[in-house]
Amino acid sequence: KTRSGLLWEVERLLNECTKLPQVL
């Protein structure tokens, strides 16, 4: 729950995606 720990919100979003972005 640190500010830098918000990185893992990106993981959550990607895991929820049915189609993924081609480039990160």
mmCIF file of all heavy atoms, coordinates in Angstrom:
data_MODEL
# 
_entry.id   MODEL 
# 
loop_
_atom_site.group_PDB 
_atom_site.id 
_atom_site.type_symbol 
_atom_site.label_atom_id 
_atom_site.label_alt_id 
_atom_site.label_comp_id 
_atom_site.label_asym_id 
_atom_site.label_entity_id 
_atom_site.label_seq_id 
_atom_site.pdbx_PDB_ins_code 
_atom_site.Cartn_x 
_atom_site.Cartn_y 
_atom_site.Cartn_z 
_atom_site.occupancy 
_atom_site.B_iso_or_equiv 
_atom_site.pdbx_formal_charge 
_atom_site.auth_seq_id 
_atom_site.auth_comp_id 
_atom_site.auth_asym_id 
_atom_site.auth_atom_id 
_atom_site.pdbx_PDB_model_num 
ATOM 1   N N   . LYS A 1 1  ? 0.810   -1.220  0.000   1.00 0.00 ? 1  LYS A N   1 
ATOM 2   C CA  . LYS A 1 1  ? 0.000   0.000   0.000   1.00 0.00 ? 1  LYS A CA  1 
ATOM 3   C C   . LYS A 1 1  ? 0.846   1.274   0.000   1.00 0.00 ? 1  LYS A C   1 
ATOM 4   O O   . LYS A 1 1  ? 0.383   2.341   0.420   1.00 0.00 ? 1  LYS A O   1 
ATOM 5   C CB  . LYS A 1 1  ? -0.981  0.005   1.178   1.00 0.00 ? 1  LYS A CB  1 
ATOM 6   C CG  . LYS A 1 1  ? -2.013  -1.103  1.107   1.00 0.00 ? 1  LYS A CG  1 
ATOM 7   C CD  . LYS A 1 1  ? -3.029  -0.992  2.235   1.00 0.00 ? 1  LYS A CD  1 
ATOM 8   C CE  . LYS A 1 1  ? -4.066  -2.103  2.118   1.00 0.00 ? 1  LYS A CE  1 
ATOM 9   N NZ  . LYS A 1 1  ? -5.098  -2.015  3.187   1.00 0.00 ? 1  LYS A NZ  1 
ATOM 10  N N   . THR A 1 2  ? 2.096   1.167   -0.450  1.00 0.00 ? 2  THR A N   1 
ATOM 11  C CA  . THR A 1 2  ? 2.904   2.372   -0.641  1.00 0.00 ? 2  THR A CA  1 
ATOM 12  C C   . THR A 1 2  ? 2.495   3.011   -1.960  1.00 0.00 ? 2  THR A C   1 
ATOM 13  O O   . THR A 1 2  ? 1.819   2.391   -2.800  1.00 0.00 ? 2  THR A O   1 
ATOM 14  C CB  . THR A 1 2  ? 4.403   2.028   -0.699  1.00 0.00 ? 2  THR A CB  1 
ATOM 15  O OG1 . THR A 1 2  ? 4.645   1.197   -1.847  1.00 0.00 ? 2  THR A OG1 1 
ATOM 16  C CG2 . THR A 1 2  ? 4.846   1.304   0.561   1.00 0.00 ? 2  THR A CG2 1 
ATOM 17  N N   . ARG A 1 3  ? 2.921   4.251   -2.180  1.00 0.00 ? 3  ARG A N   1 
ATOM 18  C CA  . ARG A 1 3  ? 2.607   4.919   -3.449  1.00 0.00 ? 3  ARG A CA  1 
ATOM 19  C C   . ARG A 1 3  ? 3.256   4.194   -4.619  1.00 0.00 ? 3  ARG A C   1 
ATOM 20  O O   . ARG A 1 3  ? 2.644   4.017   -5.673  1.00 0.00 ? 3  ARG A O   1 
ATOM 21  C CB  . ARG A 1 3  ? 3.067   6.379   -3.383  1.00 0.00 ? 3  ARG A CB  1 
ATOM 22  C CG  . ARG A 1 3  ? 2.239   7.237   -2.446  1.00 0.00 ? 3  ARG A CG  1 
ATOM 23  C CD  . ARG A 1 3  ? 2.901   8.556   -2.140  1.00 0.00 ? 3  ARG A CD  1 
ATOM 24  N NE  . ARG A 1 3  ? 4.138   8.364   -1.388  1.00 0.00 ? 3  ARG A NE  1 
ATOM 25  C CZ  . ARG A 1 3  ? 4.921   9.351   -0.955  1.00 0.00 ? 3  ARG A CZ  1 
ATOM 26  N NH1 . ARG A 1 3  ? 4.569   10.601  -1.207  1.00 0.00 ? 3  ARG A NH1 1 
ATOM 27  N NH2 . ARG A 1 3  ? 6.013   9.107   -0.278  1.00 0.00 ? 3  ARG A NH2 1 
ATOM 28  N N   . SER A 1 4  ? 4.509   3.751   -4.427  1.00 0.00 ? 4  SER A N   1 
ATOM 29  C CA  . SER A 1 4  ? 5.178   3.008   -5.486  1.00 0.00 ? 4  SER A CA  1 
ATOM 30  C C   . SER A 1 4  ? 4.548   1.632   -5.684  1.00 0.00 ? 4  SER A C   1 
ATOM 31  O O   . SER A 1 4  ? 4.648   1.041   -6.766  1.00 0.00 ? 4  SER A O   1 
ATOM 32  C CB  . SER A 1 4  ? 6.673   2.871   -5.174  1.00 0.00 ? 4  SER A CB  1 
ATOM 33  O OG  . SER A 1 4  ? 7.296   4.146   -5.143  1.00 0.00 ? 4  SER A OG  1 
ATOM 34  N N   . GLY A 1 5  ? 3.884   1.141   -4.658  1.00 0.00 ? 5  GLY A N   1 
ATOM 35  C CA  . GLY A 1 5  ? 3.191   -0.135  -4.753  1.00 0.00 ? 5  GLY A CA  1 
ATOM 36  C C   . GLY A 1 5  ? 1.985   -0.089  -5.678  1.00 0.00 ? 5  GLY A C   1 
ATOM 37  O O   . GLY A 1 5  ? 1.389   -1.135  -5.986  1.00 0.00 ? 5  GLY A O   1 
ATOM 38  N N   . LEU A 1 6  ? 1.620   1.109   -6.157  1.00 0.00 ? 6  LEU A N   1 
ATOM 39  C CA  . LEU A 1 6  ? 0.533   1.230   -7.130  1.00 0.00 ? 6  LEU A CA  1 
ATOM 40  C C   . LEU A 1 6  ? 0.881   0.527   -8.443  1.00 0.00 ? 6  LEU A C   1 
ATOM 41  O O   . LEU A 1 6  ? 0.009   0.315   -9.278  1.00 0.00 ? 6  LEU A O   1 
ATOM 42  C CB  . LEU A 1 6  ? 0.208   2.697   -7.390  1.00 0.00 ? 6  LEU A CB  1 
ATOM 43  C CG  . LEU A 1 6  ? -0.508  3.434   -6.248  1.00 0.00 ? 6  LEU A CG  1 
ATOM 44  C CD1 . LEU A 1 6  ? -0.598  4.920   -6.552  1.00 0.00 ? 6  LEU A CD1 1 
ATOM 45  C CD2 . LEU A 1 6  ? -1.900  2.850   -6.020  1.00 0.00 ? 6  LEU A CD2 1 
ATOM 46  N N   . LEU A 1 7  ? 2.155   0.168   -8.607  1.00 0.00 ? 7  LEU A N   1 
ATOM 47  C CA  . LEU A 1 7  ? 2.555   -0.639  -9.764  1.00 0.00 ? 7  LEU A CA  1 
ATOM 48  C C   . LEU A 1 7  ? 1.654   -1.855  -9.919  1.00 0.00 ? 7  LEU A C   1 
ATOM 49  O O   . LEU A 1 7  ? 1.283   -2.238  -11.045 1.00 0.00 ? 7  LEU A O   1 
ATOM 50  C CB  . LEU A 1 7  ? 4.010   -1.091  -9.587  1.00 0.00 ? 7  LEU A CB  1 
ATOM 51  C CG  . LEU A 1 7  ? 4.490   -2.223  -10.500 1.00 0.00 ? 7  LEU A CG  1 
ATOM 52  C CD1 . LEU A 1 7  ? 4.538   -1.751  -11.944 1.00 0.00 ? 7  LEU A CD1 1 
ATOM 53  C CD2 . LEU A 1 7  ? 5.855   -2.724  -10.058 1.00 0.00 ? 7  LEU A CD2 1 
ATOM 54  N N   . TRP A 1 8  ? 1.274   -2.461  -8.814  1.00 0.00 ? 8  TRP A N   1 
ATOM 55  C CA  . TRP A 1 8  ? 0.527   -3.714  -8.878  1.00 0.00 ? 8  TRP A CA  1 
ATOM 56  C C   . TRP A 1 8  ? -0.920  -3.514  -9.288  1.00 0.00 ? 8  TRP A C   1 
ATOM 57  O O   . TRP A 1 8  ? -1.624  -4.482  -9.624  1.00 0.00 ? 8  TRP A O   1 
ATOM 58  C CB  . TRP A 1 8  ? 0.653   -4.449  -7.543  1.00 0.00 ? 8  TRP A CB  1 
ATOM 59  C CG  . TRP A 1 8  ? 2.097   -4.730  -7.261  1.00 0.00 ? 8  TRP A CG  1 
ATOM 60  C CD1 . TRP A 1 8  ? 2.927   -4.028  -6.419  1.00 0.00 ? 8  TRP A CD1 1 
ATOM 61  C CD2 . TRP A 1 8  ? 2.917   -5.727  -7.878  1.00 0.00 ? 8  TRP A CD2 1 
ATOM 62  N NE1 . TRP A 1 8  ? 4.200   -4.533  -6.466  1.00 0.00 ? 8  TRP A NE1 1 
ATOM 63  C CE2 . TRP A 1 8  ? 4.227   -5.585  -7.354  1.00 0.00 ? 8  TRP A CE2 1 
ATOM 64  C CE3 . TRP A 1 8  ? 2.667   -6.731  -8.815  1.00 0.00 ? 8  TRP A CE3 1 
ATOM 65  C CZ2 . TRP A 1 8  ? 5.283   -6.397  -7.733  1.00 0.00 ? 8  TRP A CZ2 1 
ATOM 66  C CZ3 . TRP A 1 8  ? 3.707   -7.558  -9.198  1.00 0.00 ? 8  TRP A CZ3 1 
ATOM 67  C CH2 . TRP A 1 8  ? 5.005   -7.383  -8.665  1.00 0.00 ? 8  TRP A CH2 1 
ATOM 68  N N   . GLU A 1 9  ? -1.361  -2.266  -9.298  1.00 0.00 ? 9  GLU A N   1 
ATOM 69  C CA  . GLU A 1 9  ? -2.672  -1.963  -9.880  1.00 0.00 ? 9  GLU A CA  1 
ATOM 70  C C   . GLU A 1 9  ? -2.617  -2.177  -11.397 1.00 0.00 ? 9  GLU A C   1 
ATOM 71  O O   . GLU A 1 9  ? -3.626  -2.537  -12.019 1.00 0.00 ? 9  GLU A O   1 
ATOM 72  C CB  . GLU A 1 9  ? -3.083  -0.529  -9.556  1.00 0.00 ? 9  GLU A CB  1 
ATOM 73  C CG  . GLU A 1 9  ? -3.435  -0.285  -8.106  1.00 0.00 ? 9  GLU A CG  1 
ATOM 74  C CD  . GLU A 1 9  ? -4.678  -1.056  -7.664  1.00 0.00 ? 9  GLU A CD  1 
ATOM 75  O OE1 . GLU A 1 9  ? -5.659  -1.129  -8.449  1.00 0.00 ? 9  GLU A OE1 1 
ATOM 76  O OE2 . GLU A 1 9  ? -4.662  -1.591  -6.544  1.00 0.00 ? 9  GLU A OE2 1 
ATOM 77  N N   . VAL A 1 10 ? -1.449  -1.939  -11.977 1.00 0.00 ? 10 VAL A N   1 
ATOM 78  C CA  . VAL A 1 10 ? -1.272  -2.193  -13.412 1.00 0.00 ? 10 VAL A CA  1 
ATOM 79  C C   . VAL A 1 10 ? -1.390  -3.689  -13.679 1.00 0.00 ? 10 VAL A C   1 
ATOM 80  O O   . VAL A 1 10 ? -2.030  -4.120  -14.646 1.00 0.00 ? 10 VAL A O   1 
ATOM 81  C CB  . VAL A 1 10 ? 0.090   -1.661  -13.904 1.00 0.00 ? 10 VAL A CB  1 
ATOM 82  C CG1 . VAL A 1 10 ? 0.240   -1.906  -15.407 1.00 0.00 ? 10 VAL A CG1 1 
ATOM 83  C CG2 . VAL A 1 10 ? 0.232   -0.173  -13.586 1.00 0.00 ? 10 VAL A CG2 1 
ATOM 84  N N   . GLU A 1 11 ? -0.793  -4.496  -12.806 1.00 0.00 ? 11 GLU A N   1 
ATOM 85  C CA  . GLU A 1 11 ? -0.921  -5.952  -12.946 1.00 0.00 ? 11 GLU A CA  1 
ATOM 86  C C   . GLU A 1 11 ? -2.384  -6.373  -12.872 1.00 0.00 ? 11 GLU A C   1 
ATOM 87  O O   . GLU A 1 11 ? -2.857  -7.197  -13.677 1.00 0.00 ? 11 GLU A O   1 
ATOM 88  C CB  . GLU A 1 11 ? -0.125  -6.652  -11.848 1.00 0.00 ? 11 GLU A CB  1 
ATOM 89  C CG  . GLU A 1 11 ? -0.218  -8.179  -11.936 1.00 0.00 ? 11 GLU A CG  1 
ATOM 90  C CD  . GLU A 1 11 ? 0.242   -8.876  -10.671 1.00 0.00 ? 11 GLU A CD  1 
ATOM 91  O OE1 . GLU A 1 11 ? -0.142  -8.425  -9.572  1.00 0.00 ? 11 GLU A OE1 1 
ATOM 92  O OE2 . GLU A 1 11 ? 0.969   -9.882  -10.786 1.00 0.00 ? 11 GLU A OE2 1 
ATOM 93  N N   . ARG A 1 12 ? -3.105  -5.803  -11.916 1.00 0.00 ? 12 ARG A N   1 
ATOM 94  C CA  . ARG A 1 12 ? -4.527  -6.137  -11.771 1.00 0.00 ? 12 ARG A CA  1 
ATOM 95  C C   . ARG A 1 12 ? -5.297  -5.836  -13.050 1.00 0.00 ? 12 ARG A C   1 
ATOM 96  O O   . ARG A 1 12 ? -6.081  -6.680  -13.538 1.00 0.00 ? 12 ARG A O   1 
ATOM 97  C CB  . ARG A 1 12 ? -5.131  -5.365  -10.591 1.00 0.00 ? 12 ARG A CB  1 
ATOM 98  C CG  . ARG A 1 12 ? -6.638  -5.555  -10.432 1.00 0.00 ? 12 ARG A CG  1 
ATOM 99  C CD  . ARG A 1 12 ? -7.191  -4.687  -9.312  1.00 0.00 ? 12 ARG A CD  1 
ATOM 100 N NE  . ARG A 1 12 ? -7.030  -3.261  -9.553  1.00 0.00 ? 12 ARG A NE  1 
ATOM 101 C CZ  . ARG A 1 12 ? -7.828  -2.538  -10.354 1.00 0.00 ? 12 ARG A CZ  1 
ATOM 102 N NH1 . ARG A 1 12 ? -8.823  -3.123  -11.008 1.00 0.00 ? 12 ARG A NH1 1 
ATOM 103 N NH2 . ARG A 1 12 ? -7.626  -1.236  -10.491 1.00 0.00 ? 12 ARG A NH2 1 
ATOM 104 N N   . LEU A 1 13 ? -5.071  -4.669  -13.608 1.00 0.00 ? 13 LEU A N   1 
ATOM 105 C CA  . LEU A 1 13 ? -5.777  -4.271  -14.823 1.00 0.00 ? 13 LEU A CA  1 
ATOM 106 C C   . LEU A 1 13 ? -5.446  -5.194  -15.994 1.00 0.00 ? 13 LEU A C   1 
ATOM 107 O O   . LEU A 1 13 ? -6.329  -5.614  -16.753 1.00 0.00 ? 13 LEU A O   1 
ATOM 108 C CB  . LEU A 1 13 ? -5.445  -2.820  -15.177 1.00 0.00 ? 13 LEU A CB  1 
ATOM 109 C CG  . LEU A 1 13 ? -6.037  -1.748  -14.250 1.00 0.00 ? 13 LEU A CG  1 
ATOM 110 C CD1 . LEU A 1 13 ? -5.429  -0.393  -14.558 1.00 0.00 ? 13 LEU A CD1 1 
ATOM 111 C CD2 . LEU A 1 13 ? -7.551  -1.706  -14.387 1.00 0.00 ? 13 LEU A CD2 1 
ATOM 112 N N   . LEU A 1 14 ? -4.152  -5.515  -16.147 1.00 0.00 ? 14 LEU A N   1 
ATOM 113 C CA  . LEU A 1 14 ? -3.751  -6.386  -17.250 1.00 0.00 ? 14 LEU A CA  1 
ATOM 114 C C   . LEU A 1 14 ? -4.344  -7.781  -17.093 1.00 0.00 ? 14 LEU A C   1 
ATOM 115 O O   . LEU A 1 14 ? -4.763  -8.403  -18.077 1.00 0.00 ? 14 LEU A O   1 
ATOM 116 C CB  . LEU A 1 14 ? -2.220  -6.458  -17.336 1.00 0.00 ? 14 LEU A CB  1 
ATOM 117 C CG  . LEU A 1 14 ? -1.505  -5.180  -17.755 1.00 0.00 ? 14 LEU A CG  1 
ATOM 118 C CD1 . LEU A 1 14 ? 0.007   -5.359  -17.668 1.00 0.00 ? 14 LEU A CD1 1 
ATOM 119 C CD2 . LEU A 1 14 ? -1.907  -4.754  -19.169 1.00 0.00 ? 14 LEU A CD2 1 
ATOM 120 N N   . ASN A 1 15 ? -4.390  -8.272  -15.868 1.00 0.00 ? 15 ASN A N   1 
ATOM 121 C CA  . ASN A 1 15 ? -4.965  -9.590  -15.623 1.00 0.00 ? 15 ASN A CA  1 
ATOM 122 C C   . ASN A 1 15 ? -6.464  -9.621  -15.907 1.00 0.00 ? 15 ASN A C   1 
ATOM 123 O O   . ASN A 1 15 ? -7.025  -10.667 -16.248 1.00 0.00 ? 15 ASN A O   1 
ATOM 124 C CB  . ASN A 1 15 ? -4.708  -10.047 -14.187 1.00 0.00 ? 15 ASN A CB  1 
ATOM 125 C CG  . ASN A 1 15 ? -3.288  -10.542 -13.975 1.00 0.00 ? 15 ASN A CG  1 
ATOM 126 O OD1 . ASN A 1 15 ? -2.655  -11.060 -14.893 1.00 0.00 ? 15 ASN A OD1 1 
ATOM 127 N ND2 . ASN A 1 15 ? -2.776  -10.385 -12.764 1.00 0.00 ? 15 ASN A ND2 1 
ATOM 128 N N   . GLU A 1 16 ? -7.115  -8.480  -15.767 1.00 0.00 ? 16 GLU A N   1 
ATOM 129 C CA  . GLU A 1 16 ? -8.549  -8.392  -16.036 1.00 0.00 ? 16 GLU A CA  1 
ATOM 130 C C   . GLU A 1 16 ? -8.862  -8.275  -17.527 1.00 0.00 ? 16 GLU A C   1 
ATOM 131 O O   . GLU A 1 16 ? -9.999  -8.530  -17.947 1.00 0.00 ? 16 GLU A O   1 
ATOM 132 C CB  . GLU A 1 16 ? -9.150  -7.181  -15.315 1.00 0.00 ? 16 GLU A CB  1 
ATOM 133 C CG  . GLU A 1 16 ? -9.209  -7.296  -13.801 1.00 0.00 ? 16 GLU A CG  1 
ATOM 134 C CD  . GLU A 1 16 ? -9.725  -6.025  -13.152 1.00 0.00 ? 16 GLU A CD  1 
ATOM 135 O OE1 . GLU A 1 16 ? -10.098 -5.071  -13.896 1.00 0.00 ? 16 GLU A OE1 1 
ATOM 136 O OE2 . GLU A 1 16 ? -9.765  -5.957  -11.907 1.00 0.00 ? 16 GLU A OE2 1 
ATOM 137 N N   . CYS A 1 17 ? -7.858  -7.878  -18.324 1.00 0.00 ? 17 CYS A N   1 
ATOM 138 C CA  . CYS A 1 17 ? -8.097  -7.625  -19.744 1.00 0.00 ? 17 CYS A CA  1 
ATOM 139 C C   . CYS A 1 17 ? -8.376  -8.905  -20.516 1.00 0.00 ? 17 CYS A C   1 
ATOM 140 O O   . CYS A 1 17 ? -7.703  -9.924  -20.328 1.00 0.00 ? 17 CYS A O   1 
ATOM 141 C CB  . CYS A 1 17 ? -6.873  -6.941  -20.369 1.00 0.00 ? 17 CYS A CB  1 
ATOM 142 S SG  . CYS A 1 17 ? -6.674  -5.215  -19.909 1.00 0.00 ? 17 CYS A SG  1 
ATOM 143 N N   . THR A 1 18 ? -9.346  -8.843  -21.424 1.00 0.00 ? 18 THR A N   1 
ATOM 144 C CA  . THR A 1 18 ? -9.572  -9.956  -22.354 1.00 0.00 ? 18 THR A CA  1 
ATOM 145 C C   . THR A 1 18 ? -8.670  -9.806  -23.573 1.00 0.00 ? 18 THR A C   1 
ATOM 146 O O   . THR A 1 18 ? -8.308  -10.788 -24.217 1.00 0.00 ? 18 THR A O   1 
ATOM 147 C CB  . THR A 1 18 ? -11.039 -10.004 -22.790 1.00 0.00 ? 18 THR A CB  1 
ATOM 148 O OG1 . THR A 1 18 ? -11.423 -8.736  -23.338 1.00 0.00 ? 18 THR A OG1 1 
ATOM 149 C CG2 . THR A 1 18 ? -11.941 -10.328 -21.597 1.00 0.00 ? 18 THR A CG2 1 
ATOM 150 N N   . LYS A 1 19 ? -8.313  -8.570  -23.891 1.00 0.00 ? 19 LYS A N   1 
ATOM 151 C CA  . LYS A 1 19 ? -7.340  -8.274  -24.939 1.00 0.00 ? 19 LYS A CA  1 
ATOM 152 C C   . LYS A 1 19 ? -6.266  -7.376  -24.333 1.00 0.00 ? 19 LYS A C   1 
ATOM 153 O O   . LYS A 1 19 ? -6.577  -6.412  -23.636 1.00 0.00 ? 19 LYS A O   1 
ATOM 154 C CB  . LYS A 1 19 ? -8.004  -7.574  -26.135 1.00 0.00 ? 19 LYS A CB  1 
ATOM 155 C CG  . LYS A 1 19 ? -8.986  -8.467  -26.900 1.00 0.00 ? 19 LYS A CG  1 
ATOM 156 C CD  . LYS A 1 19 ? -9.554  -7.741  -28.100 1.00 0.00 ? 19 LYS A CD  1 
ATOM 157 C CE  . LYS A 1 19 ? -10.562 -8.607  -28.842 1.00 0.00 ? 19 LYS A CE  1 
ATOM 158 N NZ  . LYS A 1 19 ? -9.920  -9.775  -29.458 1.00 0.00 ? 19 LYS A NZ  1 
ATOM 159 N N   . LEU A 1 20 ? -5.014  -7.708  -24.587 1.00 0.00 ? 20 LEU A N   1 
ATOM 160 C CA  . LEU A 1 20 ? -3.899  -6.994  -23.962 1.00 0.00 ? 20 LEU A CA  1 
ATOM 161 C C   . LEU A 1 20 ? -3.286  -5.963  -24.896 1.00 0.00 ? 20 LEU A C   1 
ATOM 162 O O   . LEU A 1 20 ? -3.289  -6.142  -26.123 1.00 0.00 ? 20 LEU A O   1 
ATOM 163 C CB  . LEU A 1 20 ? -2.820  -7.992  -23.538 1.00 0.00 ? 20 LEU A CB  1 
ATOM 164 C CG  . LEU A 1 20 ? -3.165  -8.917  -22.375 1.00 0.00 ? 20 LEU A CG  1 
ATOM 165 C CD1 . LEU A 1 20 ? -2.169  -10.065 -22.299 1.00 0.00 ? 20 LEU A CD1 1 
ATOM 166 C CD2 . LEU A 1 20 ? -3.188  -8.131  -21.055 1.00 0.00 ? 20 LEU A CD2 1 
ATOM 167 N N   . PRO A 1 21 ? -2.725  -4.893  -24.331 1.00 0.00 ? 21 PRO A N   1 
ATOM 168 C CA  . PRO A 1 21 ? -1.971  -3.942  -25.159 1.00 0.00 ? 21 PRO A CA  1 
ATOM 169 C C   . PRO A 1 21 ? -0.771  -4.652  -25.783 1.00 0.00 ? 21 PRO A C   1 
ATOM 170 O O   . PRO A 1 21 ? -0.131  -5.489  -25.140 1.00 0.00 ? 21 PRO A O   1 
ATOM 171 C CB  . PRO A 1 21 ? -1.515  -2.884  -24.156 1.00 0.00 ? 21 PRO A CB  1 
ATOM 172 C CG  . PRO A 1 21 ? -2.339  -3.091  -22.934 1.00 0.00 ? 21 PRO A CG  1 
ATOM 173 C CD  . PRO A 1 21 ? -2.718  -4.527  -22.909 1.00 0.00 ? 21 PRO A CD  1 
ATOM 174 N N   . GLN A 1 22 ? -0.458  -4.313  -27.029 1.00 0.00 ? 22 GLN A N   1 
ATOM 175 C CA  . GLN A 1 22 ? 0.686   -4.954  -27.693 1.00 0.00 ? 22 GLN A CA  1 
ATOM 176 C C   . GLN A 1 22 ? 2.015   -4.462  -27.151 1.00 0.00 ? 22 GLN A C   1 
ATOM 177 O O   . GLN A 1 22 ? 3.014   -5.184  -27.210 1.00 0.00 ? 22 GLN A O   1 
ATOM 178 C CB  . GLN A 1 22 ? 0.628   -4.705  -29.210 1.00 0.00 ? 22 GLN A CB  1 
ATOM 179 C CG  . GLN A 1 22 ? -0.547  -5.377  -29.915 1.00 0.00 ? 22 GLN A CG  1 
ATOM 180 C CD  . GLN A 1 22 ? -1.737  -4.440  -30.076 1.00 0.00 ? 22 GLN A CD  1 
ATOM 181 O OE1 . GLN A 1 22 ? -2.006  -3.616  -29.199 1.00 0.00 ? 22 GLN A OE1 1 
ATOM 182 N NE2 . GLN A 1 22 ? -2.443  -4.551  -31.193 1.00 0.00 ? 22 GLN A NE2 1 
ATOM 183 N N   . VAL A 1 23 ? 2.054   -3.229  -26.638 1.00 0.00 ? 23 VAL A N   1 
ATOM 184 C CA  . VAL A 1 23 ? 3.305   -2.641  -26.151 1.00 0.00 ? 23 VAL A CA  1 
ATOM 185 C C   . VAL A 1 23 ? 3.073   -1.962  -24.805 1.00 0.00 ? 23 VAL A C   1 
ATOM 186 O O   . VAL A 1 23 ? 2.079   -1.249  -24.621 1.00 0.00 ? 23 VAL A O   1 
ATOM 187 C CB  . VAL A 1 23 ? 3.878   -1.609  -27.148 1.00 0.00 ? 23 VAL A CB  1 
ATOM 188 C CG1 . VAL A 1 23 ? 5.171   -0.986  -26.602 1.00 0.00 ? 23 VAL A CG1 1 
ATOM 189 C CG2 . VAL A 1 23 ? 4.125   -2.238  -28.514 1.00 0.00 ? 23 VAL A CG2 1 
ATOM 190 N N   . LEU A 1 24 ? 3.988   -2.202  -23.868 1.00 0.00 ? 24 LEU A N   1 
ATOM 191 C CA  . LEU A 1 24 ? 3.978   -1.512  -22.582 1.00 0.00 ? 24 LEU A CA  1 
ATOM 192 C C   . LEU A 1 24 ? 5.278   -0.724  -22.448 1.00 0.00 ? 24 LEU A C   1 
ATOM 193 O O   . LEU A 1 24 ? 6.335   -1.176  -22.893 1.00 0.00 ? 24 LEU A O   1 
ATOM 194 C CB  . LEU A 1 24 ? 3.880   -2.499  -21.417 1.00 0.00 ? 24 LEU A CB  1 
ATOM 195 C CG  . LEU A 1 24 ? 2.802   -3.579  -21.446 1.00 0.00 ? 24 LEU A CG  1 
ATOM 196 C CD1 . LEU A 1 24 ? 2.938   -4.483  -20.219 1.00 0.00 ? 24 LEU A CD1 1 
ATOM 197 C CD2 . LEU A 1 24 ? 1.418   -2.960  -21.505 1.00 0.00 ? 24 LEU A CD2 1 
# 
